[in-house]
PDB file of all heavy atoms in Angstrom:
ATOM      1  N   GLU A   1       0.820  -1.206   0.000  1.00  0.00           N
ATOM      2  CA  GLU A   1       0.000   0.000   0.000  1.00  0.00           C
ATOM      3  C   GLU A   1       0.857   1.261   0.000  1.00  0.00           C
ATOM      4  O   GLU A   1       0.454   2.281  -0.545  1.00  0.00           O
ATOM      5  CB  GLU A   1      -0.921   0.015   1.212  1.00  0.00           C
ATOM      6  CG  GLU A   1      -2.074  -0.946   1.099  1.00  0.00           C
ATOM      7  CD  GLU A   1      -2.924  -0.990   2.342  1.00  0.00           C
ATOM      8  OE1 GLU A   1      -2.556  -0.344   3.350  1.00  0.00           O
ATOM      9  OE2 GLU A   1      -3.954  -1.671   2.313  1.00  0.00           O
ATOM     10  N   LEU A   2       2.037   1.190   0.581  1.00  0.00           N
ATOM     11  CA  LEU A   2       2.855   2.392   0.737  1.00  0.00           C
ATOM     12  C   LEU A   2       3.911   2.583  -0.348  1.00  0.00           C
ATOM     13  O   LEU A   2       4.482   3.667  -0.446  1.00  0.00           O
ATOM     14  CB  LEU A   2       3.531   2.377   2.111  1.00  0.00           C
ATOM     15  CG  LEU A   2       2.570   2.423   3.295  1.00  0.00           C
ATOM     16  CD1 LEU A   2       3.334   2.300   4.592  1.00  0.00           C
ATOM     17  CD2 LEU A   2       1.736   3.687   3.268  1.00  0.00           C
ATOM     18  N   MET A   3       4.178   1.560  -1.133  1.00  0.00           N
ATOM     19  CA  MET A   3       5.173   1.705  -2.197  1.00  0.00           C
ATOM     20  C   MET A   3       4.580   2.512  -3.354  1.00  0.00           C
ATOM     21  O   MET A   3       3.423   2.331  -3.704  1.00  0.00           O
ATOM     22  CB  MET A   3       5.651   0.342  -2.694  1.00  0.00           C
ATOM     23  CG  MET A   3       6.555  -0.358  -1.713  1.00  0.00           C
ATOM     24  SD  MET A   3       7.111  -1.940  -2.313  1.00  0.00           S
ATOM     25  CE  MET A   3       8.541  -1.459  -3.218  1.00  0.00           C
ATOM     26  N   PRO A   4       5.370   3.372  -3.973  1.00  0.00           N
ATOM     27  CA  PRO A   4       4.820   4.276  -5.003  1.00  0.00           C
ATOM     28  C   PRO A   4       4.800   3.714  -6.421  1.00  0.00           C
ATOM     29  O   PRO A   4       4.574   4.466  -7.360  1.00  0.00           O
ATOM     30  CB  PRO A   4       5.776   5.469  -4.923  1.00  0.00           C
ATOM     31  CG  PRO A   4       7.079   4.864  -4.548  1.00  0.00           C
ATOM     32  CD  PRO A   4       6.736   3.730  -3.619  1.00  0.00           C
ATOM     33  N   TYR A   5       5.015   2.412  -6.600  1.00  0.00           N
ATOM     34  CA  TYR A   5       5.128   1.869  -7.948  1.00  0.00           C
ATOM     35  C   TYR A   5       3.782   1.404  -8.489  1.00  0.00           C
ATOM     36  O   TYR A   5       2.908   0.978  -7.741  1.00  0.00           O
ATOM     37  CB  TYR A   5       6.101   0.687  -7.959  1.00  0.00           C
ATOM     38  CG  TYR A   5       7.463   1.039  -7.440  1.00  0.00           C
ATOM     39  CD1 TYR A   5       7.980   0.390  -6.341  1.00  0.00           C
ATOM     40  CD2 TYR A   5       8.224   2.030  -8.048  1.00  0.00           C
ATOM     41  CE1 TYR A   5       9.230   0.711  -5.854  1.00  0.00           C
ATOM     42  CE2 TYR A   5       9.473   2.349  -7.574  1.00  0.00           C
ATOM     43  CZ  TYR A   5       9.972   1.694  -6.472  1.00  0.00           C
ATOM     44  OH  TYR A   5      11.203   2.017  -6.003  1.00  0.00           O
ATOM     45  N   ARG A   6       3.632   1.469  -9.808  1.00  0.00           N
ATOM     46  CA  ARG A   6       2.402   1.069 -10.468  1.00  0.00           C
ATOM     47  C   ARG A   6       2.185  -0.441 -10.399  1.00  0.00           C
ATOM     48  O   ARG A   6       1.058  -0.924 -10.413  1.00  0.00           O
ATOM     49  CB  ARG A   6       2.443   1.511 -11.925  1.00  0.00           C
ATOM     50  CG  ARG A   6       1.121   1.424 -12.616  1.00  0.00           C
ATOM     51  CD  ARG A   6       1.250   1.664 -14.092  1.00  0.00           C
ATOM     52  NE  ARG A   6       0.952   0.382 -14.739  1.00  0.00           N
ATOM     53  CZ  ARG A   6       1.580  -0.118 -15.778  1.00  0.00           C
ATOM     54  NH1 ARG A   6       2.556   0.547 -16.322  1.00  0.00           N
ATOM     55  NH2 ARG A   6       1.244  -1.257 -16.284  1.00  0.00           N
ATOM     56  N   ALA A   7       3.245  -1.193 -10.297  1.00  0.00           N
ATOM     57  CA  ALA A   7       3.159  -2.649 -10.268  1.00  0.00           C
ATOM     58  C   ALA A   7       2.646  -3.174  -8.932  1.00  0.00           C
ATOM     59  O   ALA A   7       2.353  -4.358  -8.818  1.00  0.00           O
ATOM     60  CB  ALA A   7       4.527  -3.249 -10.562  1.00  0.00           C
ATOM     61  N   CYS A   8       2.512  -2.327  -7.935  1.00  0.00           N
ATOM     62  CA  CYS A   8       2.076  -2.785  -6.617  1.00  0.00           C
ATOM     63  C   CYS A   8       0.622  -3.231  -6.604  1.00  0.00           C
ATOM     64  O   CYS A   8       0.276  -4.167  -5.893  1.00  0.00           O
ATOM     65  CB  CYS A   8       2.261  -1.675  -5.588  1.00  0.00           C
ATOM     66  SG  CYS A   8       3.963  -1.383  -5.171  1.00  0.00           S
ATOM     67  N   TYR A   9      -0.233  -2.571  -7.370  1.00  0.00           N
ATOM     68  CA  TYR A   9      -1.658  -2.886  -7.299  1.00  0.00           C
ATOM     69  C   TYR A   9      -1.987  -4.308  -7.764  1.00  0.00           C
ATOM     70  O   TYR A   9      -2.695  -5.024  -7.057  1.00  0.00           O
ATOM     71  CB  TYR A   9      -2.478  -1.849  -8.066  1.00  0.00           C
ATOM     72  CG  TYR A   9      -3.954  -2.070  -7.959  1.00  0.00           C
ATOM     73  CD1 TYR A   9      -4.602  -1.909  -6.736  1.00  0.00           C
ATOM     74  CD2 TYR A   9      -4.701  -2.467  -9.046  1.00  0.00           C
ATOM     75  CE1 TYR A   9      -5.953  -2.135  -6.613  1.00  0.00           C
ATOM     76  CE2 TYR A   9      -6.053  -2.690  -8.942  1.00  0.00           C
ATOM     77  CZ  TYR A   9      -6.676  -2.513  -7.721  1.00  0.00           C
ATOM     78  OH  TYR A   9      -8.022  -2.745  -7.611  1.00  0.00           O
ATOM     79  N   PRO A  10      -1.496  -4.773  -8.923  1.00  0.00           N
ATOM     80  CA  PRO A  10      -1.797  -6.160  -9.299  1.00  0.00           C
ATOM     81  C   PRO A  10      -1.209  -7.191  -8.333  1.00  0.00           C
ATOM     82  O   PRO A  10      -1.824  -8.227  -8.068  1.00  0.00           O
ATOM     83  CB  PRO A  10      -1.170  -6.321 -10.682  1.00  0.00           C
ATOM     84  CG  PRO A  10      -0.909  -4.974 -11.166  1.00  0.00           C
ATOM     85  CD  PRO A  10      -0.807  -4.082  -9.995  1.00  0.00           C
ATOM     86  N   ILE A  11      -0.048  -6.900  -7.763  1.00  0.00           N
ATOM     87  CA  ILE A  11       0.562  -7.809  -6.801  1.00  0.00           C
ATOM     88  C   ILE A  11      -0.240  -7.800  -5.499  1.00  0.00           C
ATOM     89  O   ILE A  11      -0.442  -8.834  -4.872  1.00  0.00           O
ATOM     90  CB  ILE A  11       2.037  -7.448  -6.580  1.00  0.00           C
ATOM     91  CG1 ILE A  11       2.806  -7.657  -7.882  1.00  0.00           C
ATOM     92  CG2 ILE A  11       2.647  -8.265  -5.455  1.00  0.00           C
ATOM     93  CD1 ILE A  11       4.208  -7.143  -7.868  1.00  0.00           C
ATOM     94  N   PHE A  12      -0.738  -6.631  -5.117  1.00  0.00           N
ATOM     95  CA  PHE A  12      -1.595  -6.513  -3.936  1.00  0.00           C
ATOM     96  C   PHE A  12      -2.850  -7.358  -4.104  1.00  0.00           C
ATOM     97  O   PHE A  12      -3.243  -8.096  -3.200  1.00  0.00           O
ATOM     98  CB  PHE A  12      -1.966  -5.042  -3.727  1.00  0.00           C
ATOM     99  CG  PHE A  12      -2.909  -4.810  -2.586  1.00  0.00           C
ATOM    100  CD1 PHE A  12      -2.432  -4.698  -1.297  1.00  0.00           C
ATOM    101  CD2 PHE A  12      -4.275  -4.691  -2.803  1.00  0.00           C
ATOM    102  CE1 PHE A  12      -3.304  -4.482  -0.241  1.00  0.00           C
ATOM    103  CE2 PHE A  12      -5.146  -4.483  -1.758  1.00  0.00           C
ATOM    104  CZ  PHE A  12      -4.660  -4.375  -0.466  1.00  0.00           C
ATOM    105  N   LYS A  13      -3.480  -7.282  -5.267  1.00  0.00           N
ATOM    106  CA  LYS A  13      -4.675  -8.069  -5.534  1.00  0.00           C
ATOM    107  C   LYS A  13      -4.378  -9.565  -5.489  1.00  0.00           C
ATOM    108  O   LYS A  13      -5.180 -10.360  -5.003  1.00  0.00           O
ATOM    109  CB  LYS A  13      -5.268  -7.701  -6.895  1.00  0.00           C
ATOM    110  CG  LYS A  13      -5.989  -6.383  -6.888  1.00  0.00           C
ATOM    111  CD  LYS A  13      -6.485  -5.928  -8.238  1.00  0.00           C
ATOM    112  CE  LYS A  13      -7.100  -6.981  -9.090  1.00  0.00           C
ATOM    113  NZ  LYS A  13      -7.661  -6.459 -10.349  1.00  0.00           N
ATOM    114  N   LEU A  14      -3.216  -9.952  -5.993  1.00  0.00           N
ATOM    115  CA  LEU A  14      -2.834 -11.359  -6.016  1.00  0.00           C
ATOM    116  C   LEU A  14      -2.578 -11.903  -4.607  1.00  0.00           C
ATOM    117  O   LEU A  14      -3.027 -12.997  -4.270  1.00  0.00           O
ATOM    118  CB  LEU A  14      -1.588 -11.517  -6.884  1.00  0.00           C
ATOM    119  CG  LEU A  14      -1.240 -12.895  -7.353  1.00  0.00           C
ATOM    120  CD1 LEU A  14      -2.362 -13.447  -8.216  1.00  0.00           C
ATOM    121  CD2 LEU A  14       0.038 -12.860  -8.145  1.00  0.00           C
ATOM    122  N   VAL A  15      -1.901 -11.136  -3.777  1.00  0.00           N
ATOM    123  CA  VAL A  15      -1.631 -11.552  -2.394  1.00  0.00           C
ATOM    124  C   VAL A  15      -2.941 -11.619  -1.612  1.00  0.00           C
ATOM    125  O   VAL A  15      -3.179 -12.555  -0.832  1.00  0.00           O
ATOM    126  CB  VAL A  15      -0.624 -10.585  -1.728  1.00  0.00           C
ATOM    127  CG1 VAL A  15      -0.531 -10.824  -0.241  1.00  0.00           C
ATOM    128  CG2 VAL A  15       0.740 -10.723  -2.368  1.00  0.00           C
ATOM    129  N   TYR A  16      -3.802 -10.649  -1.836  1.00  0.00           N
ATOM    130  CA  TYR A  16      -5.102 -10.621  -1.160  1.00  0.00           C
ATOM    131  C   TYR A  16      -5.940 -11.833  -1.561  1.00  0.00           C
ATOM    132  O   TYR A  16      -6.625 -12.442  -0.742  1.00  0.00           O
ATOM    133  CB  TYR A  16      -5.812  -9.318  -1.497  1.00  0.00           C
ATOM    134  CG  TYR A  16      -7.025  -9.040  -0.654  1.00  0.00           C
ATOM    135  CD1 TYR A  16      -6.891  -8.567   0.650  1.00  0.00           C
ATOM    136  CD2 TYR A  16      -8.298  -9.245  -1.160  1.00  0.00           C
ATOM    137  CE1 TYR A  16      -7.996  -8.312   1.425  1.00  0.00           C
ATOM    138  CE2 TYR A  16      -9.409  -9.000  -0.385  1.00  0.00           C
ATOM    139  CZ  TYR A  16      -9.262  -8.518   0.896  1.00  0.00           C
ATOM    140  OH  TYR A  16     -10.358  -8.279   1.669  1.00  0.00           O
ATOM    141  N   SER A  17      -5.876 -12.202  -2.839  1.00  0.00           N
ATOM    142  CA  SER A  17      -6.610 -13.360  -3.336  1.00  0.00           C
ATOM    143  C   SER A  17      -6.084 -14.653  -2.731  1.00  0.00           C
ATOM    144  O   SER A  17      -6.858 -15.552  -2.385  1.00  0.00           O
ATOM    145  CB  SER A  17      -6.521 -13.411  -4.859  1.00  0.00           C
ATOM    146  OG  SER A  17      -7.069 -14.588  -5.351  1.00  0.00           O
ATOM    147  N   ALA A  18      -4.772 -14.772  -2.612  1.00  0.00           N
ATOM    148  CA  ALA A  18      -4.183 -15.969  -2.006  1.00  0.00           C
ATOM    149  C   ALA A  18      -4.602 -16.095  -0.541  1.00  0.00           C
ATOM    150  O   ALA A  18      -4.882 -17.199  -0.062  1.00  0.00           O
ATOM    151  CB  ALA A  18      -2.666 -15.930  -2.131  1.00  0.00           C
ATOM    152  N   ALA A  19      -4.668 -14.975   0.170  1.00  0.00           N
ATOM    153  CA  ALA A  19      -5.096 -15.016   1.571  1.00  0.00           C
ATOM    154  C   ALA A  19      -6.574 -15.372   1.677  1.00  0.00           C
ATOM    155  O   ALA A  19      -6.982 -16.099   2.594  1.00  0.00           O
ATOM    156  CB  ALA A  19      -4.830 -13.674   2.228  1.00  0.00           C
ATOM    157  N   ALA A  20      -7.383 -14.894   0.751  1.00  0.00           N
ATOM    158  CA  ALA A  20      -8.801 -15.242   0.752  1.00  0.00           C
ATOM    159  C   ALA A  20      -8.984 -16.729   0.459  1.00  0.00           C
ATOM    160  O   ALA A  20      -9.842 -17.389   1.062  1.00  0.00           O
ATOM    161  CB  ALA A  20      -9.551 -14.402  -0.277  1.00  0.00           C
ATOM    162  N   ASN A  21      -8.169 -17.282  -0.451  1.00  0.00           N
ATOM    163  CA  ASN A  21      -8.207 -18.712  -0.719  1.00  0.00           C
ATOM    164  C   ASN A  21      -7.848 -19.511   0.536  1.00  0.00           C
ATOM    165  O   ASN A  21      -8.463 -20.534   0.837  1.00  0.00           O
ATOM    166  CB  ASN A  21      -7.235 -19.086  -1.838  1.00  0.00           C
ATOM    167  CG  ASN A  21      -7.683 -18.603  -3.181  1.00  0.00           C
ATOM    168  OD1 ASN A  21      -8.835 -18.237  -3.365  1.00  0.00           O
ATOM    169  ND2 ASN A  21      -6.775 -18.582  -4.126  1.00  0.00           N
ATOM    170  N   ALA A  22      -6.846 -19.039   1.254  1.00  0.00           N
ATOM    171  CA  ALA A  22      -6.392 -19.750   2.451  1.00  0.00           C
ATOM    172  C   ALA A  22      -7.452 -19.736   3.542  1.00  0.00           C
ATOM    173  O   ALA A  22      -7.691 -20.749   4.197  1.00  0.00           O
ATOM    174  CB  ALA A  22      -5.105 -19.126   2.968  1.00  0.00           C
ATOM    175  N   SER A  23      -8.101 -18.597   3.740  1.00  0.00           N
ATOM    176  CA  SER A  23      -9.083 -18.518   4.815  1.00  0.00           C
ATOM    177  C   SER A  23     -10.385 -19.223   4.444  1.00  0.00           C
ATOM    178  O   SER A  23     -11.016 -19.847   5.294  1.00  0.00           O
ATOM    179  CB  SER A  23      -9.351 -17.058   5.184  1.00  0.00           C
ATOM    180  OG  SER A  23      -9.968 -16.393   4.096  1.00  0.00           O
ATOM    181  N   HIS A  24     -10.774 -19.167   3.182  1.00  0.00           N
ATOM    182  CA  HIS A  24     -12.042 -19.777   2.786  1.00  0.00           C
ATOM    183  C   HIS A  24     -11.916 -21.284   2.569  1.00  0.00           C
ATOM    184  O   HIS A  24     -12.717 -22.062   3.084  1.00  0.00           O
ATOM    185  CB  HIS A  24     -12.567 -19.116   1.511  1.00  0.00           C
ATOM    186  CG  HIS A  24     -13.893 -19.641   1.077  1.00  0.00           C
ATOM    187  ND1 HIS A  24     -14.014 -20.643   0.158  1.00  0.00           N
ATOM    188  CD2 HIS A  24     -15.141 -19.311   1.452  1.00  0.00           C
ATOM    189  CE1 HIS A  24     -15.292 -20.919  -0.026  1.00  0.00           C
ATOM    190  NE2 HIS A  24     -16.007 -20.110   0.746  1.00  0.00           N
ATOM    191  N   ASN A  25     -10.920 -21.703   1.807  1.00  0.00           N
ATOM    192  CA  ASN A  25     -10.810 -23.119   1.446  1.00  0.00           C
ATOM    193  C   ASN A  25     -10.182 -23.970   2.539  1.00  0.00           C
ATOM    194  O   ASN A  25     -10.590 -25.108   2.754  1.00  0.00           O
ATOM    195  CB  ASN A  25      -9.996 -23.269   0.161  1.00  0.00           C
ATOM    196  CG  ASN A  25     -10.669 -22.601  -1.010  1.00  0.00           C
ATOM    197  OD1 ASN A  25     -11.872 -22.344  -0.995  1.00  0.00           O
ATOM    198  ND2 ASN A  25      -9.896 -22.296  -2.032  1.00  0.00           N
TER     199      ASN A  25
END
């Protein structure tokens, strides 16, 4: 969230998705 690079948003979504998979499945 704090890094100023454009590439952070897709990586953020991917990490968030992996955590959602872990908690749900």
